[in-house]
């Protein structure tokens, strides 16, 4: 067998199209997707590793192989220090085209999924608004002051819309949806969705639609069991770093993933500096990633997975490019180093003491052992 390190290269997968009663044809116009004729397509699954749905590599040396195969064969060369989720790829990436509003729904957290059973898996997600019609909105959480029993009464009376909080659907905005949050896309909204690998969705209300035969319909009691109400969530401040050739804006910093919006100007050629796996959701432009042994072109609508062990990667932009950059939280290289005792870090009155070197009381051999075989610096630099 060829060593895994020699086979690692950028990955782009064949899209998996899902017809939906609320879908349309906008992914064809926005992202040049070759949609099946005549179907209202609600979702394009771009990167997925579930029991019954697995992405297939579209190009390159691994063409025709499933993402599940590569998780097994490449292991840490693909995922880096990010652990797989129940043995599978730890993210699911989609585009959604909501010509009509989606069902109002809730996803469970890990404890609720265990309690409800039935193969339920927890889900945390975020969606970035690509396009929205004037007046388009997103339903996100309940209105301030609505208690759980009042929400349940509204659901059972078919009046759930009256207690939902609506926010404007603004292109360029990213919304984090923690487990237990009631939510729905409104009509006329196209988004890129980043989520943990789960298809567990409890529909609580569906606007009176008749769903296709075989559809599971509503799951009111499970949704109410998964629901988590709390104080209104303030939008986190967005960190923004600009340079001559690129800008990076932090959009979401969640427990399961981090999302940043990256812009590069046309004609850039620069090494790819990552030490961990990175995913690009390309929103605008075109370019290529050159690597040892080949080159992987990309364009708007592509989702590019850059394995952690990619070596000699080189980014070339053929036009101005914009993408969402998704990373997974990993433990620090310093996590296993001995820490100075608290009394060293503070003066006798409890105030912070003078700066303490990170190497205090840490023998060099211990520092080297904690770093392991990592030879690169920070996980990402620009």
Protein backbone atom coordinates (compact mmCIF):
# COMPACT_ATOMS: atom_id res chain seq x y z
CA UNK A 1 0.00 0.00 0.00
CA UNK A 2 1.26 3.51 -0.80
CA UNK A 3 2.03 5.41 2.43
CA UNK A 4 -0.78 7.76 3.40
CA UNK A 5 1.52 10.80 3.42
CA UNK A 6 2.25 10.31 -0.29
CA UNK A 7 -1.47 10.23 -1.21
CA UNK A 8 -2.65 13.31 0.69
CA UNK A 9 -3.98 16.04 -1.59
CA UNK A 10 -6.80 18.62 -1.68
CA UNK A 11 -10.30 17.15 -1.92
CA UNK A 12 -13.43 18.29 -3.76
CA UNK A 13 -16.51 16.04 -3.77
CA UNK A 14 -19.42 15.35 -6.08
CA UNK A 15 -22.48 17.31 -4.82
CA UNK A 16 -25.43 15.26 -3.58
CA UNK A 17 -28.70 17.00 -4.49
CA UNK A 18 -31.77 16.69 -2.28
CA UNK A 19 -35.23 17.60 -3.66
CA UNK A 20 -37.35 19.46 -1.09
CA UNK A 21 -40.89 20.81 -1.11
CA UNK A 22 -39.46 24.22 -0.20
CA UNK A 23 -36.55 24.12 -2.68
CA UNK A 24 -35.89 25.73 -6.06
CA UNK A 25 -33.22 26.19 -8.76
CA UNK A 26 -31.11 29.02 -7.35
CA UNK A 27 -28.03 26.87 -6.76
CA UNK A 28 -27.77 26.52 -10.53
CA UNK A 29 -27.64 30.29 -10.99
CA UNK A 30 -25.45 31.14 -7.99
CA UNK A 31 -22.96 28.28 -8.04
CA UNK A 32 -23.19 26.71 -11.50
CA UNK A 33 -24.55 23.48 -10.02
CA UNK A 34 -25.81 21.03 -12.64
CA UNK A 35 -29.15 20.29 -11.04
CA UNK A 36 -31.32 17.39 -12.19
CA UNK A 37 -33.95 18.60 -14.63
CA UNK A 38 -37.35 19.65 -13.37
CA UNK A 39 -36.69 19.10 -9.66
CA UNK A 40 -37.02 21.66 -6.87
CA UNK A 41 -33.65 21.21 -5.16
CA UNK A 42 -33.49 22.37 -1.57
CA UNK A 43 -30.06 21.09 -0.55
CA UNK A 44 -26.70 20.33 -2.10
CA UNK A 45 -24.62 18.22 0.25
CA UNK A 46 -20.99 19.05 -0.49
CA UNK A 47 -19.08 17.17 2.20
CA UNK A 48 -20.79 14.40 4.18
CA UNK A 49 -19.92 11.16 5.95
CA UNK A 50 -23.10 9.63 7.37
CA UNK A 51 -24.21 6.00 7.56
CA UNK A 52 -26.43 6.24 4.48
CA UNK A 53 -24.86 9.19 2.64
CA UNK A 54 -21.16 9.55 1.86
CA UNK A 55 -19.40 12.06 -0.34
CA UNK A 56 -17.39 10.75 -3.30
CA UNK A 57 -14.20 12.50 -4.44
CA UNK A 58 -14.77 14.30 -7.74
CA UNK A 59 -11.20 14.74 -9.02
CA UNK A 60 -7.56 14.03 -8.32
CA UNK A 61 -5.71 10.85 -7.34
CA UNK A 62 -8.50 9.78 -4.95
CA UNK A 63 -11.31 10.26 -7.50
CA UNK A 64 -14.17 7.83 -6.89
CA UNK A 65 -13.25 7.10 -3.27
CA UNK A 66 -15.62 7.94 -0.43
CA UNK A 67 -14.87 10.40 2.33
CA UNK A 68 -15.40 7.55 4.79
CA UNK A 69 -12.59 5.59 3.10
CA UNK A 70 -10.23 8.53 3.40
CA UNK A 71 -11.04 9.12 7.08
CA UNK A 72 -10.09 5.48 7.69
CA UNK A 73 -7.00 5.39 5.45
CA UNK A 74 -5.53 8.87 5.92
CA UNK A 75 -6.55 9.25 9.56
CA UNK A 76 -4.52 12.06 11.20
CA UNK A 77 -2.96 12.95 7.84
CA UNK A 78 -6.47 14.15 6.92
CA UNK A 79 -7.92 15.30 10.24
CA UNK A 80 -4.77 16.41 12.06
CA UNK A 81 -5.38 16.62 15.80
CA UNK A 82 -9.15 16.98 15.35
CA UNK A 83 -10.85 13.76 16.50
CA UNK A 84 -13.38 12.04 14.22
CA UNK A 85 -17.01 12.20 15.31
CA UNK A 86 -18.12 8.67 16.19
CA UNK A 87 -15.55 7.40 13.71
CA UNK A 88 -16.66 9.66 10.86
CA UNK A 89 -15.64 12.99 9.29
CA UNK A 90 -16.48 15.62 11.93
CA UNK A 91 -18.37 18.15 9.75
CA UNK A 92 -21.20 18.25 7.22
CA UNK A 93 -21.27 21.09 4.65
CA UNK A 94 -24.35 22.03 2.58
CA UNK A 95 -25.88 24.74 0.44
CA UNK A 96 -29.60 25.37 1.04
CA UNK A 97 -32.07 27.10 -1.30
CA UNK A 98 -35.24 28.06 0.59
CA UNK A 99 -37.69 29.33 -2.03
CA UNK A 100 -40.38 28.72 0.59
CA UNK A 101 -39.80 28.74 4.38
CA UNK A 102 -38.24 25.67 5.96
CA UNK A 103 -40.03 23.81 8.70
CA UNK A 104 -39.55 25.23 12.18
CA UNK A 105 -37.17 22.78 13.84
CA UNK A 106 -34.89 21.91 16.73
CA UNK A 107 -31.74 19.75 16.91
CA UNK A 108 -30.78 17.90 20.11
CA UNK A 109 -27.65 18.25 22.19
CA UNK A 110 -25.66 15.14 23.16
CA UNK A 111 -27.55 14.49 26.40
CA UNK A 112 -30.98 14.86 24.76
CA UNK A 113 -29.95 12.64 21.84
CA UNK A 114 -28.92 9.90 24.29
CA UNK A 115 -32.15 10.26 26.24
CA UNK A 116 -34.45 10.22 23.19
CA UNK A 117 -32.56 7.40 21.44
CA UNK A 118 -33.73 6.10 18.10
CA UNK A 119 -30.36 6.75 16.48
CA UNK A 120 -30.50 10.47 17.26
CA UNK A 121 -27.23 12.37 17.02
CA UNK A 122 -26.51 15.85 18.40
CA UNK A 123 -26.22 18.73 15.97
CA UNK A 124 -24.65 22.16 16.21
CA UNK A 125 -24.81 24.31 13.10
CA UNK A 126 -24.31 27.73 11.58
CA UNK A 127 -25.50 29.23 8.32
CA UNK A 128 -24.03 32.02 6.23
CA UNK A 129 -26.52 34.03 4.16
CA UNK A 130 -25.45 33.98 0.51
CA UNK A 131 -28.53 35.67 -0.94
CA UNK A 132 -31.88 36.90 0.35
CA UNK A 133 -34.86 38.54 -1.29
CA UNK A 134 -35.87 41.99 0.02
CA UNK A 135 -37.76 41.51 3.26
CA UNK A 136 -36.44 37.99 3.71
CA UNK A 137 -36.03 36.81 7.27
CA UNK A 138 -34.73 34.04 9.48
CA UNK A 139 -36.56 32.60 12.47
CA UNK A 140 -34.07 32.23 15.28
CA UNK A 141 -35.13 31.48 18.86
CA UNK A 142 -38.34 32.54 20.60
CA UNK A 143 -39.30 36.09 21.40
CA UNK A 144 -37.94 37.52 24.66
CA UNK A 145 -40.09 36.63 27.65
CA UNK A 146 -41.78 33.58 26.09
CA UNK A 147 -41.60 30.70 28.58
CA UNK A 148 -41.38 27.03 27.65
CA UNK A 149 -45.01 26.29 28.55
CA UNK A 150 -46.27 29.26 26.51
CA UNK A 151 -44.20 28.09 23.57
CA UNK A 152 -45.61 24.56 23.86
CA UNK A 153 -49.15 25.97 23.96
CA UNK A 154 -48.50 27.99 20.81
CA UNK A 155 -47.10 24.92 19.04
CA UNK A 156 -50.10 22.76 19.89
CA UNK A 157 -52.48 25.54 18.84
CA UNK A 158 -50.75 25.87 15.46
CA UNK A 159 -49.68 29.43 16.30
CA UNK A 160 -45.94 28.93 16.68
CA UNK A 161 -45.14 31.78 14.28
CA UNK A 162 -46.53 34.27 16.82
CA UNK A 163 -43.86 33.41 19.39
CA UNK A 164 -40.83 33.13 17.10
CA UNK A 165 -38.20 35.82 16.84
CA UNK A 166 -37.55 37.03 13.29
CA UNK A 167 -34.28 38.60 12.20
CA UNK A 168 -33.55 40.12 8.78
CA UNK A 169 -31.81 37.80 6.33
CA UNK A 170 -28.82 39.92 5.35
CA UNK A 171 -26.32 38.56 2.81
CA UNK A 172 -22.90 38.28 4.39
CA UNK A 173 -24.21 37.57 7.89
CA UNK A 174 -23.50 34.28 9.69
CA UNK A 175 -25.85 32.87 12.34
CA UNK A 176 -24.83 30.31 14.95
CA UNK A 177 -27.49 27.75 15.94
CA UNK A 178 -26.52 25.86 19.11
CA UNK A 179 -28.33 22.58 19.89
CA UNK A 180 -31.77 23.18 21.35
CA UNK A 181 -32.38 26.44 19.44
CA UNK A 182 -35.67 26.65 17.56
CA UNK A 183 -35.04 28.02 14.06
CA UNK A 184 -36.03 28.11 10.38
CA UNK A 185 -35.02 29.83 7.18
CA UNK A 186 -37.67 32.13 5.75
CA UNK A 187 -38.67 32.26 2.09
CA UNK A 188 -36.23 33.54 -0.50
CA UNK A 189 -33.01 32.77 1.40
CA UNK A 190 -29.93 30.87 0.16
CA UNK A 191 -27.31 29.85 2.71
CA UNK A 192 -24.14 27.84 3.18
CA UNK A 193 -24.58 25.59 6.20
CA UNK A 194 -21.84 24.19 8.42
CA UNK A 195 -22.83 21.55 10.97
CA UNK A 196 -21.73 18.54 12.92
CA UNK A 197 -22.34 15.20 11.12
CA UNK A 198 -25.94 14.55 12.05
CA UNK A 199 -29.21 14.47 10.15
CA UNK A 200 -31.35 14.48 13.29
CA UNK A 201 -34.01 17.16 12.88
CA UNK A 202 -37.16 17.47 14.97
CA UNK A 203 -39.77 19.43 13.01
CA UNK A 204 -42.11 21.35 15.22
CA UNK A 205 -44.21 23.23 12.64
CA UNK A 206 -44.44 23.09 8.83
CA UNK A 207 -46.69 25.96 7.77
CA UNK A 208 -49.58 23.60 6.99
CA UNK A 209 -47.78 21.87 4.11
CA UNK A 210 -48.55 18.34 3.00
CA UNK A 211 -45.25 16.48 2.90
CA UNK A 212 -44.32 13.76 0.36
CA UNK A 213 -45.18 10.13 1.03
CA UNK A 214 -42.60 8.49 3.27
CA UNK A 215 -41.62 11.76 4.96
CA UNK A 216 -41.48 11.53 8.74
CA UNK A 217 -43.62 14.64 9.19
CA UNK A 218 -43.61 16.45 12.54
CA UNK A 219 -41.86 15.45 15.77
CA UNK A 220 -43.52 17.82 18.23
CA UNK A 221 -42.83 15.97 21.49
CA UNK A 222 -39.18 15.28 20.60
CA UNK A 223 -38.72 18.92 19.56
CA UNK A 224 -40.17 20.19 22.83
CA UNK A 225 -37.91 17.79 24.74
CA UNK A 226 -34.85 19.10 22.86
CA UNK A 227 -35.80 22.78 23.14
CA UNK A 228 -33.56 25.03 25.25
CA UNK A 229 -34.76 28.50 26.16
CA UNK A 230 -32.59 31.16 27.73
CA UNK A 231 -31.84 34.87 27.70
CA UNK A 232 -31.55 36.51 24.27
CA UNK A 233 -28.18 35.82 22.67
CA UNK A 234 -26.18 38.87 21.65
CA UNK A 235 -24.35 38.57 18.35
CA UNK A 236 -20.66 38.02 19.08
CA UNK A 237 -18.28 40.79 18.02
CA UNK A 238 -16.61 40.08 14.71
CA UNK A 239 -12.83 40.22 14.63
CA UNK A 240 -11.42 41.66 11.42
CA UNK A 241 -7.83 41.67 10.17
CA UNK A 242 -6.91 43.41 6.94
CA UNK A 243 -3.75 43.42 4.85
CA UNK A 244 -2.56 44.47 1.41
CA UNK A 245 -3.66 41.26 -0.30
CA UNK A 246 -6.18 39.63 2.03
CA UNK A 247 -8.72 40.24 4.78
CA UNK A 248 -9.92 37.76 7.40
CA UNK A 249 -13.14 38.24 9.39
CA UNK A 250 -14.09 35.95 12.28
CA UNK A 251 -17.78 35.07 11.84
CA UNK A 252 -18.48 32.26 14.35
CA UNK A 253 -16.41 30.77 17.16
CA UNK A 254 -18.47 27.77 18.30
CA UNK A 255 -17.73 24.69 20.36
CA UNK A 256 -17.65 22.43 17.29
CA UNK A 257 -16.08 24.73 14.66
CA UNK A 258 -14.74 28.17 13.81
CA UNK A 259 -15.81 30.07 10.68
CA UNK A 260 -13.88 32.94 9.12
CA UNK A 261 -14.53 34.85 5.93
CA UNK A 262 -11.41 35.26 3.79
CA UNK A 263 -10.83 37.53 0.81
CA UNK A 264 -7.87 37.26 -1.56
CA UNK A 265 -7.11 39.51 -4.49
CA UNK A 266 -6.53 38.28 -8.04
CA UNK A 267 -3.07 37.10 -9.03
CA UNK A 268 -1.89 35.93 -5.62
CA UNK A 269 0.57 33.06 -5.32
CA UNK A 270 1.55 32.06 -1.81
CA UNK A 271 2.31 28.97 0.27
CA UNK A 272 -0.56 27.45 2.24
CA UNK A 273 0.64 27.61 5.85
CA UNK A 274 -1.81 25.41 7.75
CA UNK A 275 -0.71 22.75 10.24
CA UNK A 276 -4.27 21.40 10.69
CA UNK A 277 -7.14 20.45 8.39
CA UNK A 278 -8.97 23.41 6.82
CA UNK A 279 -12.15 23.57 4.71
CA UNK A 280 -12.85 26.32 2.18
CA UNK A 281 -16.43 27.04 1.08
CA UNK A 282 -15.81 29.08 -2.05
CA UNK A 283 -18.34 31.89 -2.49
CA UNK A 284 -16.68 33.98 -5.21
CA UNK A 285 -13.83 33.71 -7.70
CA UNK A 286 -11.64 30.92 -8.94
CA UNK A 287 -8.13 29.65 -8.42
CA UNK A 288 -6.14 26.50 -7.74
CA UNK A 289 -4.18 24.71 -5.04
CA UNK A 290 -0.92 23.31 -6.36
CA UNK A 291 0.51 20.43 -4.35
CA UNK A 292 3.25 17.89 -4.59
CA UNK A 293 2.21 15.87 -7.64
CA UNK A 294 -0.62 17.94 -9.07
CA UNK A 295 -3.02 20.88 -8.95
CA UNK A 296 -6.64 21.13 -7.79
CA UNK A 297 -8.68 23.94 -9.41
CA UNK A 298 -11.56 25.50 -7.48
CA UNK A 299 -14.39 27.92 -8.28
CA UNK A 300 -17.46 29.39 -6.61
CA UNK A 301 -19.69 26.70 -5.18
CA UNK A 302 -16.81 24.30 -4.50
CA UNK A 303 -15.99 23.00 -1.04
CA UNK A 304 -12.28 22.27 -0.75
CA UNK A 305 -10.86 20.10 2.04
CA UNK A 306 -7.15 20.73 2.70
CA UNK A 307 -5.75 17.77 4.68
CA UNK A 308 -3.63 18.46 7.74
CA UNK A 309 -0.60 16.67 6.22
CA UNK A 310 -0.72 18.58 2.92
CA UNK A 311 2.84 19.56 2.08
CA UNK A 312 4.16 22.17 -0.34
CA UNK A 313 0.64 23.50 -0.95
CA UNK A 314 0.56 26.70 -3.03
CA UNK A 315 -2.50 28.94 -3.49
CA UNK A 316 -2.96 30.64 -6.86
CA UNK A 317 -5.90 33.03 -7.34
CA UNK A 318 -7.09 33.63 -10.89
CA UNK A 319 -9.61 36.30 -9.82
CA UNK A 320 -10.63 38.03 -6.60
CA UNK A 321 -11.74 35.23 -4.27
CA UNK A 322 -13.98 34.98 -1.22
CA UNK A 323 -14.43 31.84 0.83
CA UNK A 324 -15.57 30.71 4.25
CA UNK A 325 -12.71 29.04 6.06
CA UNK A 326 -13.85 26.36 8.53
CA UNK A 327 -11.53 24.90 11.15
CA UNK A 328 -12.02 22.50 14.04
CA UNK A 329 -10.93 23.15 17.63
CA UNK A 330 -7.80 21.21 18.55
CA UNK A 331 -5.79 20.99 21.74
CA UNK A 332 -2.78 23.26 22.04
CA UNK A 333 0.75 21.96 21.66
CA UNK A 334 1.31 23.47 25.13
CA UNK A 335 -1.60 21.61 26.75
CA UNK A 336 0.62 18.93 28.30
CA UNK A 337 3.29 21.28 29.65
CA UNK A 338 3.51 21.65 33.46
CA UNK A 339 1.87 24.87 34.63
CA UNK A 340 3.41 27.25 37.18
CA UNK A 341 1.60 27.19 40.55
CA UNK A 342 -0.99 29.91 41.16
CA UNK A 343 1.12 31.64 43.86
CA UNK A 344 3.85 32.22 41.30
CA UNK A 345 1.41 33.94 38.96
CA UNK A 346 0.09 36.38 41.58
CA UNK A 347 1.60 38.83 44.02
CA UNK A 348 0.83 38.45 47.77
CA UNK A 349 -2.07 40.94 47.49
CA UNK A 350 -3.68 38.81 44.78
CA UNK A 351 -2.80 41.10 41.89
CA UNK A 352 -1.01 39.76 38.82
CA UNK A 353 2.69 39.38 39.39
CA UNK A 354 5.44 40.27 36.94
CA UNK A 355 5.40 38.41 33.62
CA UNK A 356 6.36 34.76 34.03
CA UNK A 357 8.28 32.98 31.24
CA UNK A 358 6.30 30.10 29.76
CA UNK A 359 9.33 27.87 30.27
CA UNK A 360 9.41 28.31 34.05
CA UNK A 361 10.29 25.04 35.80
CA UNK A 362 9.82 23.13 32.55
CA UNK A 363 12.89 21.09 31.59
CA UNK A 364 13.79 21.30 27.92
CA UNK A 365 13.30 17.56 27.45
CA UNK A 366 9.73 17.85 28.78
CA UNK A 367 8.98 20.75 26.43
CA UNK A 368 10.28 18.81 23.45
CA UNK A 369 8.28 15.73 24.42
CA UNK A 370 5.08 17.78 24.80
CA UNK A 371 5.53 19.28 21.36
CA UNK A 372 5.92 15.80 19.88
CA UNK A 373 6.63 15.60 16.20
CA UNK A 374 5.04 18.94 15.28
CA UNK A 375 7.58 20.90 13.29
CA UNK A 376 5.40 23.75 12.11
CA UNK A 377 4.57 26.90 14.02
CA UNK A 378 1.06 28.22 14.61
CA UNK A 379 -1.79 26.30 13.05
CA UNK A 380 -2.43 29.15 10.65
CA UNK A 381 -0.51 32.23 9.71
CA UNK A 382 -0.97 35.00 7.20
